Amino acid sequence: MTALLALLVLSQSPNIDAEVFLDRGETYLRAGQANGVEIGAALQVFDAKSRAPVGTAVVMEVWESLSRVNLDSKALAYVPLKVARVGRMPEVAPPPAPPPPVVNAPPPPEPTRSQPAAAGQQGAWLDGTVRLTGDGARRRVVVLNKSNRDWHNCDVRLPNGKHYVIGDLDEGADDGVMLFRFEWDRGTPPPPQTDSITVTCREGVGRFPISL
């Protein structure tokens, strides 16, 4: 009877233990918004087998089923497989229907548009490189600015048409984006397939033949 009650309590526990793993110098957690993880939350980190506490982690970024975390020095120094304890999302009733729109409401303000490139720079060729790292769900696109000037408002587009805006990239710097973060343009049909990854910034365009 006692064992049955213990199993019932565990099955109804509001917590789950999610794997903590390292990818290209960044630490991730296999749990996200769907599991109730929020940016800034402090999580307890345990040994995956013994469930002995080995440190703590702070959530820095959150996606649907994945989070990026920073480990404290104790958890960072612990080499064996680790898990972090997160709370399950409680089951809630669907939200009520939104109220009807206000009649004659003023239109929302136009979004701020970026300034065009300087004269003579429109369509210039970007001096840089693009490479793929990792494998499976951990594949990442890494863009390197090899020129002697900063790039601004950069958009990276894959051969299948999905894209991700990495913003600014300083001269000599690189930035990596995991493939699951690339998305289609909303409200438009997918563009035709190409054989290159295209990087478009205010300073110009670079096309890098890469097959996914």
Protein backbone atom coordinates (compact mmCIF):
# COMPACT_ATOMS: atom_id res chain seq x y z
CA MET A 1 0.00 0.00 0.00
CA THR A 2 2.83 2.38 0.90
CA ALA A 3 4.65 1.71 -2.42
CA LEU A 4 1.42 2.35 -4.35
CA LEU A 5 0.96 5.72 -2.64
CA ALA A 6 4.58 6.67 -3.41
CA LEU A 7 4.11 5.91 -7.12
CA LEU A 8 0.92 7.97 -7.17
CA VAL A 9 2.68 10.98 -5.63
CA LEU A 10 5.58 10.77 -8.13
CA SER A 11 3.23 10.50 -11.12
CA GLN A 12 1.44 13.68 -9.98
CA SER A 13 4.63 15.63 -9.20
CA PRO A 14 4.63 19.16 -10.74
CA ASN A 15 8.36 18.81 -11.58
CA ILE A 16 10.34 17.09 -14.34
CA ASP A 17 14.09 16.56 -14.72
CA ALA A 18 15.40 17.77 -18.11
CA GLU A 19 18.81 16.95 -19.60
CA VAL A 20 21.52 19.64 -19.52
CA PHE A 21 23.90 19.51 -22.51
CA LEU A 22 26.71 21.57 -24.07
CA ASP A 23 26.71 22.73 -27.71
CA ARG A 24 29.57 24.81 -29.16
CA GLY A 25 30.36 26.53 -25.87
CA GLU A 26 26.72 27.18 -24.94
CA THR A 27 24.77 25.20 -22.33
CA TYR A 28 21.19 24.13 -23.13
CA LEU A 29 18.29 22.47 -21.33
CA ARG A 30 15.89 20.04 -23.06
CA ALA A 31 12.84 21.91 -21.73
CA GLY A 32 11.26 25.20 -22.69
CA GLN A 33 8.08 27.25 -22.66
CA ALA A 34 5.97 24.09 -22.95
CA ASN A 35 7.41 22.99 -19.59
CA GLY A 36 6.92 26.31 -17.81
CA VAL A 37 10.54 27.50 -18.16
CA GLU A 38 10.90 31.30 -18.01
CA ILE A 39 13.83 33.66 -18.65
CA GLY A 40 15.64 34.53 -15.41
CA ALA A 41 14.42 31.46 -13.53
CA ALA A 42 16.94 29.77 -11.19
CA LEU A 43 16.91 25.96 -11.50
CA GLN A 44 18.43 23.24 -9.31
CA VAL A 45 20.91 20.99 -11.14
CA PHE A 46 21.31 17.29 -10.19
CA ASP A 47 23.43 14.29 -11.17
CA ALA A 48 21.41 12.40 -13.80
CA LYS A 49 21.77 9.01 -12.06
CA SER A 50 21.86 9.66 -8.32
CA ARG A 51 19.80 12.88 -8.40
CA ALA A 52 22.31 14.37 -5.95
CA PRO A 53 22.39 18.21 -6.20
CA VAL A 54 25.47 19.53 -8.02
CA GLY A 55 24.71 23.25 -8.45
CA THR A 56 22.29 25.70 -10.02
CA ALA A 57 21.47 27.19 -13.44
CA VAL A 58 19.91 30.49 -14.58
CA VAL A 59 17.71 30.57 -17.71
CA MET A 60 18.99 33.07 -20.34
CA GLU A 61 16.86 32.24 -23.44
CA VAL A 62 13.72 30.14 -23.91
CA TRP A 63 12.10 28.46 -26.94
CA GLU A 64 9.19 26.01 -27.21
CA SER A 65 11.10 22.91 -26.01
CA LEU A 66 14.65 24.18 -25.46
CA SER A 67 16.37 26.74 -23.22
CA ARG A 68 19.83 28.26 -22.96
CA VAL A 69 21.17 28.39 -19.39
CA ASN A 70 24.20 29.60 -17.44
CA LEU A 71 25.58 27.15 -14.85
CA ASP A 72 27.17 28.24 -11.60
CA SER A 73 30.83 27.29 -11.02
CA LYS A 74 29.91 24.14 -9.07
CA ALA A 75 27.57 22.75 -11.75
CA LEU A 76 29.96 23.83 -14.53
CA ALA A 77 32.81 21.85 -12.96
CA TYR A 78 30.68 18.71 -12.60
CA VAL A 79 31.48 16.52 -15.65
CA PRO A 80 28.95 13.60 -15.52
CA LEU A 81 25.54 13.88 -17.17
CA LYS A 82 23.37 16.48 -15.43
CA VAL A 83 19.66 17.32 -15.31
CA ALA A 84 17.79 20.41 -14.13
CA ARG A 85 14.46 20.32 -12.34
CA VAL A 86 11.69 22.39 -13.92
CA GLY A 87 8.00 22.76 -13.16
CA ARG A 88 5.35 21.35 -15.47
CA MET A 89 2.85 23.74 -16.99
CA PRO A 90 -0.44 23.44 -15.08
CA GLU A 91 -3.51 22.55 -17.09
CA VAL A 92 -5.65 25.65 -17.37
CA ALA A 93 -8.90 26.49 -19.06
CA PRO A 94 -8.62 28.23 -22.45
CA PRO A 95 -8.58 32.02 -22.23
CA PRO A 96 -11.87 33.88 -22.78
CA ALA A 97 -12.63 35.25 -26.21
CA PRO A 98 -11.13 38.72 -26.80
CA PRO A 99 -13.51 41.70 -26.69
CA PRO A 100 -14.73 43.12 -30.01
CA PRO A 101 -12.42 45.70 -31.62
CA VAL A 102 -13.00 49.35 -30.84
CA VAL A 103 -14.83 51.13 -33.64
CA ASN A 104 -12.78 53.83 -35.40
CA ALA A 105 -9.69 52.94 -33.37
CA PRO A 106 -6.57 54.69 -34.70
CA PRO A 107 -4.29 52.44 -36.78
CA PRO A 108 -1.12 51.15 -35.09
CA PRO A 109 2.06 53.17 -35.79
CA GLU A 110 4.23 52.09 -38.69
CA PRO A 111 7.29 50.07 -37.59
CA THR A 112 10.58 51.92 -37.71
CA ARG A 113 12.41 51.06 -40.92
CA SER A 114 16.17 50.76 -41.16
CA GLN A 115 18.06 53.40 -43.08
CA PRO A 116 19.22 52.50 -46.61
CA ALA A 117 22.86 51.71 -47.30
CA ALA A 118 25.26 54.56 -47.93
CA ALA A 119 25.72 55.79 -51.48
CA GLY A 120 27.81 53.41 -53.56
CA GLN A 121 27.38 50.49 -51.14
CA GLN A 122 24.05 49.14 -52.33
CA GLY A 123 24.61 45.66 -53.77
CA ALA A 124 28.28 45.51 -52.69
CA TRP A 125 29.77 42.05 -52.11
CA LEU A 126 30.27 41.05 -48.47
CA ASP A 127 33.72 39.67 -47.61
CA GLY A 128 33.07 36.79 -45.22
CA THR A 129 32.51 33.07 -44.80
CA VAL A 130 29.63 30.79 -43.75
CA ARG A 131 30.02 27.29 -42.33
CA LEU A 132 27.84 24.58 -40.79
CA THR A 133 28.74 23.01 -37.44
CA GLY A 134 27.22 20.27 -35.27
CA ASP A 135 24.87 17.50 -36.35
CA GLY A 136 21.21 16.52 -36.06
CA ALA A 137 19.12 18.95 -33.99
CA ARG A 138 22.31 20.78 -32.95
CA ARG A 139 23.33 21.98 -36.43
CA ARG A 140 24.35 25.62 -36.50
CA VAL A 141 25.07 28.22 -39.20
CA VAL A 142 28.14 30.35 -38.36
CA VAL A 143 28.69 33.64 -40.25
CA LEU A 144 32.12 35.35 -40.15
CA ASN A 145 32.70 38.99 -41.11
CA LYS A 146 36.19 39.01 -42.69
CA SER A 147 36.01 42.61 -43.88
CA ASN A 148 37.44 45.74 -42.22
CA ARG A 149 34.03 47.29 -41.57
CA ASP A 150 31.00 46.43 -39.45
CA TRP A 151 27.88 44.89 -40.98
CA HIS A 152 24.42 46.11 -39.95
CA ASN A 153 20.86 44.68 -40.02
CA CYS A 154 22.07 41.34 -41.41
CA ASP A 155 19.57 38.69 -42.53
CA VAL A 156 20.73 35.09 -43.12
CA ARG A 157 18.61 33.06 -45.59
CA LEU A 158 19.00 29.30 -46.10
CA PRO A 159 18.75 27.56 -49.51
CA ASN A 160 15.18 26.43 -48.60
CA GLY A 161 14.07 30.04 -48.04
CA LYS A 162 13.95 30.08 -44.24
CA HIS A 163 15.77 33.02 -42.66
CA TYR A 164 16.96 34.53 -39.38
CA VAL A 165 17.98 38.14 -38.64
CA ILE A 166 21.29 38.19 -36.73
CA GLY A 167 21.43 42.00 -36.67
CA ASP A 168 24.85 43.65 -36.54
CA LEU A 169 28.18 41.85 -36.95
CA ASP A 170 31.42 43.68 -36.12
CA GLU A 171 34.47 43.43 -38.37
CA GLY A 172 36.37 40.20 -37.71
CA ALA A 173 33.55 38.81 -35.54
CA ASP A 174 31.34 35.78 -36.11
CA ASP A 175 27.86 34.75 -34.97
CA GLY A 176 26.21 31.32 -34.91
CA VAL A 177 22.50 30.47 -35.21
CA MET A 178 21.02 27.01 -34.60
CA LEU A 179 18.98 25.72 -37.57
CA PHE A 180 15.75 25.33 -35.58
CA ARG A 181 15.63 29.13 -35.13
CA PHE A 182 15.24 29.81 -38.88
CA GLU A 183 11.65 30.47 -40.03
CA TRP A 184 9.66 31.10 -43.21
CA ASP A 185 8.52 34.63 -44.03
CA ARG A 186 5.00 34.98 -42.67
CA GLY A 187 2.18 35.62 -45.11
CA THR A 188 4.20 34.88 -48.25
CA PRO A 189 4.76 31.64 -50.20
CA PRO A 190 8.16 29.96 -49.77
CA PRO A 191 10.75 31.30 -52.25
CA PRO A 192 12.32 28.94 -54.81
CA GLN A 193 15.07 26.58 -53.60
CA THR A 194 18.66 27.79 -54.14
CA ASP A 195 22.09 26.25 -53.70
CA SER A 196 23.48 28.95 -51.40
CA ILE A 197 23.14 30.59 -48.00
CA THR A 198 22.59 34.31 -48.60
CA VAL A 199 23.64 37.01 -46.11
CA THR A 200 22.06 40.42 -46.78
CA CYS A 201 23.19 43.47 -44.78
CA ARG A 202 22.97 47.23 -45.29
CA GLU A 203 26.52 47.07 -46.61
CA GLY A 204 25.84 44.46 -49.32
CA VAL A 205 25.09 40.83 -50.09
CA GLY A 206 27.09 37.61 -49.81
CA ARG A 207 26.13 34.23 -51.33
CA PHE A 208 27.85 31.14 -50.00
CA PRO A 209 27.29 27.79 -51.81
CA ILE A 210 26.33 25.36 -49.05
CA SER A 211 24.11 22.29 -49.20
CA LEU A 212 21.91 21.47 -46.20
